[in-house]
Protein backbone atom coordinates (compact mmCIF):
# COMPACT_ATOMS: atom_id res chain seq x y z
CA MET A 1 56.78 -9.47 51.27
CA LYS A 2 53.19 -9.08 52.13
CA ARG A 3 52.50 -7.60 48.75
CA ILE A 4 53.88 -10.58 46.94
CA VAL A 5 51.64 -12.95 48.92
CA GLN A 6 48.53 -10.91 48.12
CA SER A 7 49.40 -10.86 44.48
CA ARG A 8 49.79 -14.62 44.41
CA GLN A 9 46.46 -15.11 46.17
CA ALA A 10 44.67 -12.87 43.66
CA THR A 11 46.19 -14.82 40.83
CA SER A 12 45.35 -18.15 42.33
CA THR A 13 41.59 -17.30 42.71
CA ARG A 14 41.16 -16.83 38.96
CA ARG A 15 39.89 -19.85 37.14
CA GLY A 16 38.66 -20.92 33.69
CA ILE A 17 35.20 -22.05 32.58
CA VAL A 18 34.01 -25.12 34.39
CA LEU A 19 32.77 -28.07 32.33
CA TRP A 20 29.16 -27.74 33.47
CA GLU A 21 29.11 -24.05 32.48
CA ALA A 22 30.27 -24.99 28.99
CA ALA A 23 27.58 -27.69 28.78
CA VAL A 24 24.81 -25.28 29.85
CA SER A 25 26.04 -22.65 27.39
CA SER A 26 26.07 -25.22 24.58
CA LEU A 27 22.55 -26.32 25.50
CA LEU A 28 21.25 -22.75 25.45
CA VAL A 29 22.88 -22.01 22.09
CA GLY A 30 21.41 -25.26 20.71
CA LEU A 31 17.90 -24.32 21.88
CA VAL A 32 18.19 -20.87 20.30
CA LEU A 33 19.36 -22.41 17.01
CA LEU A 34 16.55 -24.97 17.09
CA THR A 35 13.94 -22.26 17.66
CA ALA A 36 15.41 -20.11 14.88
CA THR A 37 15.40 -23.07 12.46
CA GLN A 38 11.78 -23.91 13.27
CA THR A 39 10.77 -20.28 12.80
CA LEU A 40 12.54 -20.14 9.46
CA ALA A 41 10.91 -23.39 8.30
CA THR A 42 7.46 -22.08 9.28
CA SER A 43 8.12 -18.84 7.42
CA VAL A 44 9.20 -20.71 4.28
CA ARG A 45 6.07 -22.93 4.43
CA MET A 46 3.81 -19.89 4.81
CA GLN A 47 5.49 -18.07 1.93
CA THR A 48 5.17 -21.16 -0.26
CA ALA A 49 1.47 -21.52 0.59
CA ALA A 50 0.85 -17.81 -0.09
CA SER A 51 2.64 -18.07 -3.43
CA GLU A 52 0.65 -21.19 -4.31
CA ARG A 53 -2.65 -19.44 -3.46
CA ALA A 54 -1.65 -16.39 -5.52
CA ARG A 55 -0.85 -18.55 -8.56
CA ALA A 56 -4.10 -20.51 -8.12
CA ASN A 57 -6.06 -17.28 -7.81
CA ALA A 58 -4.55 -15.95 -11.04
CA LEU A 59 -5.31 -19.20 -12.89
CA ALA A 60 -8.90 -19.31 -11.63
CA ASN A 61 -9.62 -15.65 -12.31
CA ALA A 62 -8.21 -15.83 -15.83
CA LEU A 63 -10.46 -18.77 -16.73
CA VAL A 64 -13.55 -17.27 -15.05
CA CYS A 65 -13.03 -14.00 -16.97
CA GLU A 66 -12.61 -15.93 -20.22
CA ILE A 67 -15.83 -17.85 -19.60
CA LEU A 68 -17.83 -14.75 -18.62
CA GLU A 69 -16.81 -13.07 -21.90
CA GLN A 70 -18.72 -15.79 -23.80
CA SER A 71 -22.40 -15.72 -24.72
CA TYR A 72 -24.88 -17.17 -22.27
CA MET A 73 -26.15 -19.55 -24.95
CA GLU A 74 -24.91 -20.86 -28.30
CA PRO A 75 -25.10 -17.87 -30.68
CA GLY A 76 -28.20 -18.07 -32.88
CA GLN A 77 -29.93 -20.56 -30.58
CA THR A 78 -32.93 -19.96 -28.34
CA SER A 79 -32.24 -22.95 -26.11
CA SER A 80 -29.49 -25.48 -25.66
CA ALA A 81 -28.30 -28.19 -23.33
CA ILE A 82 -25.33 -27.77 -21.01
CA GLY A 83 -22.21 -28.93 -22.84
CA ARG A 84 -20.31 -28.59 -26.09
CA GLU A 85 -22.02 -28.49 -29.45
CA SER A 86 -20.70 -30.24 -32.56
CA GLY A 87 -17.42 -28.80 -33.79
CA GLU A 88 -16.32 -27.80 -30.31
CA LEU A 89 -13.53 -30.15 -29.33
CA ALA A 90 -12.88 -31.35 -25.80
CA THR A 91 -9.13 -30.89 -26.38
CA SER A 92 -9.11 -27.14 -27.08
CA ARG A 93 -11.16 -24.14 -25.98
CA ALA A 94 -10.40 -22.28 -29.23
CA ASN A 95 -13.93 -22.85 -30.59
CA PHE A 96 -15.84 -22.40 -27.32
CA ASP A 97 -18.37 -19.63 -27.91
CA ASP A 98 -20.81 -19.92 -25.02
CA VAL A 99 -20.62 -20.44 -21.28
CA ASP A 100 -21.79 -24.04 -21.14
CA ASP A 101 -19.16 -25.21 -23.64
CA TYR A 102 -16.76 -25.12 -20.68
CA HIS A 103 -18.78 -27.65 -18.66
CA GLY A 104 -16.54 -30.61 -17.85
CA TRP A 105 -13.42 -28.83 -19.13
CA THR A 106 -10.18 -29.92 -17.48
CA ASP A 107 -6.68 -28.83 -18.42
CA THR A 108 -3.54 -30.35 -16.98
CA PRO A 109 -1.27 -28.41 -17.07
CA PRO A 110 -3.26 -25.20 -17.63
CA GLN A 111 -3.55 -23.98 -21.21
CA PHE A 112 -4.28 -20.75 -22.97
CA LYS A 113 -7.51 -20.55 -25.00
CA ASP A 114 -5.63 -21.45 -28.20
CA GLY A 115 -4.51 -24.74 -26.60
CA SER A 116 -0.89 -23.81 -25.98
CA THR A 117 0.44 -24.91 -22.60
CA MET A 118 1.24 -22.36 -19.90
CA SER A 119 4.84 -22.72 -18.79
CA ASN A 120 5.87 -23.37 -15.18
CA PHE A 121 2.56 -24.97 -14.16
CA THR A 122 3.57 -28.61 -13.91
CA GLY A 123 1.34 -30.36 -11.38
CA TRP A 124 -1.48 -27.80 -11.78
CA GLN A 125 -4.98 -28.52 -13.03
CA ARG A 126 -8.17 -26.51 -13.66
CA GLN A 127 -11.66 -27.99 -13.74
CA VAL A 128 -14.91 -26.32 -14.76
CA ALA A 129 -18.53 -27.15 -13.97
CA VAL A 130 -21.47 -25.21 -15.42
CA GLU A 131 -25.03 -25.75 -14.26
CA TRP A 132 -28.38 -24.02 -14.34
CA VAL A 133 -29.35 -22.48 -11.02
CA ALA A 134 -32.45 -20.87 -9.59
CA LEU A 135 -32.61 -17.13 -10.26
CA THR A 136 -33.71 -16.31 -6.72
CA THR A 137 -31.18 -18.31 -4.73
CA LEU A 138 -28.36 -19.00 -7.22
CA THR A 139 -28.34 -22.56 -5.96
CA GLN A 140 -29.04 -25.60 -8.02
CA SER A 141 -32.75 -25.86 -8.56
CA PRO A 142 -34.62 -29.17 -8.25
CA GLY A 143 -35.22 -29.19 -12.00
CA SER A 144 -31.62 -28.30 -12.81
CA ALA A 145 -31.81 -30.24 -16.06
CA SER A 146 -33.89 -27.45 -17.56
CA GLU A 147 -33.19 -23.86 -18.52
CA THR A 148 -33.56 -21.37 -15.66
CA GLY A 149 -32.07 -18.22 -17.22
CA MET A 150 -29.04 -18.36 -14.91
CA LYS A 151 -25.87 -20.45 -15.08
CA ARG A 152 -23.39 -20.96 -12.27
CA ILE A 153 -19.77 -21.47 -13.30
CA THR A 154 -17.42 -23.18 -10.84
CA VAL A 155 -13.69 -23.19 -11.54
CA THR A 156 -11.51 -25.34 -9.29
CA VAL A 157 -7.72 -25.09 -9.30
CA ILE A 158 -5.75 -28.09 -8.06
CA HIS A 159 -2.02 -28.36 -7.39
CA ASN A 160 -0.37 -31.71 -6.72
CA SER A 161 -3.78 -33.37 -6.15
CA LYS A 162 -4.81 -30.75 -3.56
CA THR A 163 -7.62 -28.26 -4.20
CA ILE A 164 -6.14 -24.81 -3.69
CA ILE A 165 -8.98 -22.51 -4.70
CA THR A 166 -12.52 -22.57 -6.08
CA ARG A 167 -14.09 -19.60 -7.84
CA VAL A 168 -17.81 -19.31 -8.54
CA ALA A 169 -19.47 -16.88 -10.93
CA THR A 170 -22.92 -16.60 -12.50
CA LYS A 171 -24.08 -15.54 -15.93
CA ALA A 172 -27.64 -14.51 -16.67
CA ASN A 173 -29.48 -14.88 -19.93
CA ALA A 174 -29.77 -11.29 -21.16
CA SER A 175 -32.73 -12.15 -23.41
CA SER A 176 -34.86 -13.53 -20.53
């Protein structure tokens, strides 16, 4: 008979999960899920920003390379002002043949040199500034309205009204 009593006592000491234990467990699981969600959101934001910078870098480098392939000055000229000459339209780079033709150029969305639009670049913009700079410092000289023998090209890439990247290059006058 003693055995039966012990068996009943052992059975009676077992119990289920208490309500407060379930609440604490739920709270802990919720905190872990919240942390995981925040980590995932941060990761997605960082990947998006890295992708955006990579696209901006490619757009800027392509335009800088295109500009640097051009002559320093209008072919056949010995001097010229910064800007486009007659016959070089502000709507297409197809006839641009020297570095300063790109001054003031903006394309939204980005375009190829022939004027055709690049696909998948909605909301993107490229801007170009060309200016004479001092040969010794590569900064704008006080008399920047006159020929110095060196031009600084600044290409800025913007996405959704936010500047993503700026590339700067220089081109020297080979005949100086």
